[in-house]
Amino acid sequence: MSYKNIQLSKENSIATVTINRPEKLNALNKDTIEELHQVFLELEKNYQTRVIILTGSGEKAFVAGADISEFADFTVEEGIQLAARGQDLLFNFVENLKIPVIAAVNGFALGGGLELAMACHFRVASDTAKMGLPEVSLGVIPGYGGTQRLPQLIGKGRAMELIMTAGMIAAEEAYRMGLVNHIVPQAELLDYCKSIANRIIKNSPLAITKAIKAINASNKEGENGFETEIKSFGRCFGTEDFKEGTTAFLEKRKAVFTGN
């Protein structure tokens, strides 16, 4: 499938998805959200893809925000539908994807851009990256999960301050807060993410999928994270990956996982 606003490349079991609207600093518009949904859906169905790296084109921006021109004149109901559809189609979809998604934050990650990075399973930032949720300066609030995921990552008080001040923080402060896992020079960003991805793909893809589900369960209303963990743990015992992993350990060799 061909895409207008994103680029897809694959290397071994690692897929790199690049948001490619440099003239708009990779801002998220309706078409880009649709295309991202489709590419993630396709990659999830492709059993050869084990890790996805998500980044933005160029060196200025990961995603500088949502495309405000698309919704500046929306009604209340249209605003509600915009947030609901966006969360369902992309942000919640990425968070619950069976394949790990690493956000390679290569520049500005503002508004919807930071919300997209937070929906990924973890984040690596370039030393030039800057992040923030400036929505209140436009008379609105984050609508793609930002008010929920930011407190989960950095704590309620810090999230309140960052959202209320519409402030922007540099990579070093984002790292100190726990918003990003690593900071690396811009030129090394993708290679560093690929090095993490290569460590991930040595492990059982089936177990990683179940770990994602169990970790996410702790933040889902009406779901008991401990119960999800217990059931997911138990189900691992019925898999070929579990048999291979334990046998390889006892035989003192490297496991060869198939995801079954």
Protein backbone atom coordinates (compact mmCIF):
# COMPACT_ATOMS: atom_id res chain seq x y z
CA MET A 1 0.00 0.00 0.00
CA SER A 2 1.26 3.49 -0.87
CA TYR A 3 1.04 6.42 1.55
CA LYS A 4 0.96 10.17 1.01
CA ASN A 5 2.03 11.46 4.41
CA ILE A 6 4.14 8.66 5.85
CA GLN A 7 7.10 6.55 4.78
CA LEU A 8 7.68 2.92 5.69
CA SER A 9 10.98 1.06 5.66
CA LYS A 10 11.86 -2.41 6.93
CA GLU A 11 15.14 -3.90 8.04
CA ASN A 12 15.09 -7.51 9.21
CA SER A 13 12.28 -7.62 11.80
CA ILE A 14 12.28 -3.86 12.47
CA ALA A 15 9.89 -1.46 10.73
CA THR A 16 10.49 2.30 10.74
CA VAL A 17 7.45 4.53 10.20
CA THR A 18 8.28 8.16 9.38
CA ILE A 19 5.64 10.88 9.43
CA ASN A 20 6.49 12.92 6.34
CA ARG A 21 4.90 16.37 6.24
CA PRO A 22 8.02 18.51 6.72
CA GLU A 23 6.36 21.65 5.34
CA LYS A 24 3.87 21.39 8.25
CA LEU A 25 6.47 20.19 10.78
CA ASN A 26 4.80 16.77 10.49
CA ALA A 27 1.55 18.04 12.04
CA LEU A 28 -1.20 15.45 12.36
CA ASN A 29 -4.14 15.98 10.03
CA LYS A 30 -7.05 13.63 9.38
CA ASP A 31 -5.35 11.88 6.46
CA THR A 32 -2.14 11.28 8.39
CA ILE A 33 -4.02 9.77 11.33
CA GLU A 34 -5.85 7.46 8.90
CA GLU A 35 -2.61 6.45 7.21
CA LEU A 36 -0.88 5.78 10.54
CA HIS A 37 -3.76 3.58 11.59
CA GLN A 38 -3.49 1.60 8.37
CA VAL A 39 0.26 1.12 8.53
CA PHE A 40 0.15 0.00 12.17
CA LEU A 41 -2.71 -2.38 11.34
CA GLU A 42 -0.75 -3.88 8.44
CA LEU A 43 2.44 -4.24 10.50
CA GLU A 44 0.57 -5.92 13.34
CA LYS A 45 -0.75 -8.53 10.89
CA ASN A 46 2.75 -9.09 9.51
CA TYR A 47 4.27 -11.71 11.78
CA GLN A 48 7.77 -10.88 10.52
CA THR A 49 7.61 -7.40 12.09
CA ARG A 50 8.77 -7.57 15.70
CA VAL A 51 9.40 -3.90 16.60
CA ILE A 52 8.19 -0.60 15.15
CA ILE A 53 10.11 2.68 15.39
CA LEU A 54 8.00 5.82 14.89
CA THR A 55 9.67 9.12 14.02
CA GLY A 56 9.25 12.35 12.05
CA SER A 57 10.98 13.46 8.87
CA GLY A 58 13.80 15.98 9.07
CA GLU A 59 15.51 17.26 12.20
CA LYS A 60 13.02 19.90 13.34
CA ALA A 61 9.97 17.95 14.43
CA PHE A 62 8.68 14.57 15.50
CA VAL A 63 5.14 15.95 15.28
CA ALA A 64 4.63 19.64 16.02
CA GLY A 65 0.97 19.12 16.92
CA ALA A 66 -2.40 18.63 15.30
CA ASP A 67 -3.31 20.53 12.14
CA ILE A 68 -5.37 23.32 13.74
CA SER A 69 -6.71 24.55 10.41
CA GLU A 70 -8.82 21.39 10.16
CA PHE A 71 -10.87 21.99 13.31
CA ALA A 72 -10.72 25.72 14.10
CA ASP A 73 -14.43 26.16 13.31
CA PHE A 74 -15.75 22.90 14.80
CA THR A 75 -18.87 22.73 16.94
CA VAL A 76 -18.99 21.08 20.38
CA GLU A 77 -20.26 17.81 18.93
CA GLU A 78 -17.67 17.85 16.16
CA GLY A 79 -14.96 18.40 18.77
CA ILE A 80 -16.15 15.41 20.78
CA GLN A 81 -16.19 13.25 17.66
CA LEU A 82 -12.71 14.45 16.67
CA ALA A 83 -11.19 13.41 20.00
CA ALA A 84 -13.11 10.12 20.20
CA ARG A 85 -12.24 9.03 16.69
CA GLY A 86 -8.59 10.06 17.02
CA GLN A 87 -8.16 8.18 20.28
CA ASP A 88 -9.83 5.06 18.90
CA LEU A 89 -8.16 5.10 15.51
CA LEU A 90 -4.59 5.94 16.49
CA PHE A 91 -3.63 6.77 20.07
CA ASN A 92 -5.35 3.94 21.95
CA PHE A 93 -4.67 1.67 19.00
CA VAL A 94 -0.91 2.25 19.23
CA GLU A 95 -0.88 1.87 23.02
CA ASN A 96 -2.56 -1.55 22.75
CA LEU A 97 -0.68 -2.76 19.69
CA LYS A 98 0.72 -6.28 20.07
CA ILE A 99 4.08 -5.14 18.67
CA PRO A 100 6.33 -2.79 20.70
CA VAL A 101 6.40 0.76 19.32
CA ILE A 102 9.38 3.00 20.13
CA ALA A 103 8.95 6.74 19.63
CA ALA A 104 12.15 8.26 18.23
CA VAL A 105 11.49 11.89 19.17
CA ASN A 106 13.71 13.81 16.77
CA GLY A 107 12.54 17.37 17.43
CA PHE A 108 9.40 19.18 18.50
CA ALA A 109 6.75 16.90 20.03
CA LEU A 110 3.95 19.27 20.90
CA GLY A 111 0.22 18.78 21.51
CA GLY A 112 -0.94 15.80 19.50
CA GLY A 113 2.70 15.01 18.75
CA LEU A 114 3.56 14.49 22.40
CA GLU A 115 0.30 12.60 22.86
CA LEU A 116 1.33 10.27 20.04
CA ALA A 117 4.79 9.77 21.56
CA MET A 118 3.18 8.99 24.92
CA ALA A 119 0.91 6.41 23.29
CA CYS A 120 4.01 4.53 22.14
CA HIS A 121 5.41 1.94 24.53
CA PHE A 122 8.43 4.08 25.36
CA ARG A 123 10.35 7.07 24.07
CA VAL A 124 13.91 7.92 23.03
CA ALA A 125 14.66 11.61 22.41
CA SER A 126 17.34 13.44 20.50
CA ASP A 127 19.25 16.05 22.48
CA THR A 128 17.47 18.73 20.43
CA ALA A 129 13.94 17.53 21.20
CA LYS A 130 11.41 19.77 22.90
CA MET A 131 8.07 18.61 24.31
CA GLY A 132 4.88 20.11 25.65
CA LEU A 133 1.08 20.25 25.64
CA PRO A 134 0.25 23.87 24.74
CA GLU A 135 -3.48 23.34 24.11
CA VAL A 136 -4.75 25.64 26.89
CA SER A 137 -3.04 28.56 25.12
CA LEU A 138 -5.54 27.92 22.30
CA GLY A 139 -8.55 27.71 24.60
CA VAL A 140 -8.81 23.93 24.52
CA ILE A 141 -7.28 20.94 26.35
CA PRO A 142 -5.36 17.89 25.14
CA GLY A 143 -7.90 15.60 23.48
CA TYR A 144 -5.88 12.61 22.36
CA GLY A 145 -5.18 11.13 25.78
CA GLY A 146 -2.70 13.72 27.04
CA THR A 147 -4.52 14.46 30.30
CA GLN A 148 -4.44 10.74 31.12
CA ARG A 149 -1.05 9.50 29.91
CA LEU A 150 1.08 12.45 31.05
CA PRO A 151 0.16 12.02 34.78
CA GLN A 152 0.80 8.28 34.45
CA LEU A 153 4.30 8.97 33.17
CA ILE A 154 5.47 11.96 35.22
CA GLY A 155 3.00 12.25 38.13
CA LYS A 156 -0.13 14.32 38.66
CA GLY A 157 1.50 17.50 39.99
CA ARG A 158 4.06 17.84 37.22
CA ALA A 159 1.44 17.03 34.59
CA MET A 160 -0.91 19.68 36.01
CA GLU A 161 1.84 22.30 35.84
CA LEU A 162 3.00 21.39 32.33
CA ILE A 163 -0.54 21.41 30.94
CA MET A 164 -1.71 24.55 32.80
CA THR A 165 1.33 26.63 31.87
CA ALA A 166 1.29 25.37 28.25
CA GLY A 167 5.03 25.05 28.82
CA MET A 168 7.65 23.40 26.66
CA ILE A 169 10.48 21.35 28.14
CA ALA A 170 13.82 20.30 26.70
CA ALA A 171 14.94 16.69 26.37
CA GLU A 172 17.03 16.79 29.54
CA GLU A 173 14.07 17.83 31.70
CA ALA A 174 11.84 15.27 29.97
CA TYR A 175 14.40 12.61 30.87
CA ARG A 176 14.60 13.80 34.47
CA MET A 177 10.81 13.61 34.75
CA GLY A 178 10.67 10.11 33.28
CA LEU A 179 8.88 11.20 30.12
CA VAL A 180 11.64 9.76 27.92
CA ASN A 181 13.85 6.74 28.58
CA HIS A 182 17.03 7.94 26.86
CA ILE A 183 18.59 11.03 25.28
CA VAL A 184 21.05 10.65 22.41
CA PRO A 185 22.63 12.98 19.82
CA GLN A 186 20.36 13.68 16.88
CA ALA A 187 22.59 11.83 14.41
CA GLU A 188 22.55 8.68 16.55
CA LEU A 189 18.82 8.58 17.34
CA LEU A 190 17.57 5.97 14.88
CA ASP A 191 20.61 3.72 15.31
CA TYR A 192 20.15 3.83 19.08
CA CYS A 193 16.46 2.90 18.75
CA LYS A 194 17.42 0.05 16.42
CA SER A 195 19.94 -1.21 18.98
CA ILE A 196 17.14 -1.41 21.57
CA ALA A 197 14.86 -3.05 19.00
CA ASN A 198 17.50 -5.69 18.28
CA ARG A 199 17.61 -6.54 21.97
CA ILE A 200 13.81 -6.84 22.04
CA ILE A 201 13.58 -9.19 19.05
CA LYS A 202 15.82 -11.74 20.75
CA ASN A 203 12.94 -12.44 23.15
CA SER A 204 9.60 -14.20 22.77
CA PRO A 205 7.21 -12.03 20.70
CA LEU A 206 4.26 -13.82 22.26
CA ALA A 207 5.49 -13.10 25.79
CA ILE A 208 6.13 -9.46 24.86
CA THR A 209 2.55 -9.13 23.58
CA LYS A 210 1.21 -10.50 26.85
CA ALA A 211 3.51 -8.20 28.84
CA ILE A 212 2.16 -5.16 26.95
CA LYS A 213 -1.39 -6.24 27.76
CA ALA A 214 -0.63 -6.80 31.45
CA ILE A 215 1.23 -3.50 31.86
CA ASN A 216 -1.53 -1.52 30.14
CA ALA A 217 -4.18 -3.22 32.29
CA SER A 218 -3.04 -1.29 35.37
CA ASN A 219 -4.39 1.93 33.85
CA LYS A 220 -7.66 0.60 32.43
CA GLU A 221 -10.89 1.30 34.28
CA GLY A 222 -12.65 -1.85 35.39
CA GLU A 223 -9.64 -4.06 34.76
CA ASN A 224 -7.50 -5.57 37.51
CA GLY A 225 -3.87 -5.45 36.41
CA PHE A 226 -2.82 -8.20 38.81
CA GLU A 227 -5.55 -10.51 37.50
CA THR A 228 -4.54 -9.77 33.92
CA GLU A 229 -0.93 -10.55 34.79
CA ILE A 230 -1.85 -13.84 36.47
CA LYS A 231 -3.94 -15.03 33.51
CA SER A 232 -1.36 -13.88 30.94
CA PHE A 233 1.42 -15.55 32.91
CA GLY A 234 -0.52 -18.81 33.01
CA ARG A 235 -1.36 -18.75 29.30
CA CYS A 236 2.34 -18.50 28.47
CA PHE A 237 2.72 -22.05 29.78
CA GLY A 238 0.66 -23.36 26.87
CA THR A 239 2.87 -21.83 24.17
CA GLU A 240 5.68 -23.16 22.03
CA ASP A 241 7.74 -20.10 22.98
CA PHE A 242 7.59 -21.12 26.65
CA LYS A 243 8.70 -24.66 25.81
CA GLU A 244 11.52 -23.34 23.63
CA GLY A 245 12.64 -20.74 26.17
CA THR A 246 12.76 -23.11 29.12
CA THR A 247 14.34 -25.92 27.09
CA ALA A 248 17.01 -23.59 25.71
CA PHE A 249 17.79 -22.35 29.21
CA LEU A 250 18.21 -25.90 30.55
CA GLU A 251 20.28 -26.89 27.52
CA LYS A 252 22.43 -23.76 27.90
CA ARG A 253 21.77 -22.48 24.39
CA LYS A 254 20.10 -19.44 22.83
CA ALA A 255 16.37 -19.76 22.33
CA VAL A 256 14.86 -19.51 18.86
CA PHE A 257 11.37 -18.09 19.28
CA THR A 258 8.59 -18.40 16.69
CA GLY A 259 5.81 -16.45 18.39
CA ASN A 260 3.62 -19.52 18.82
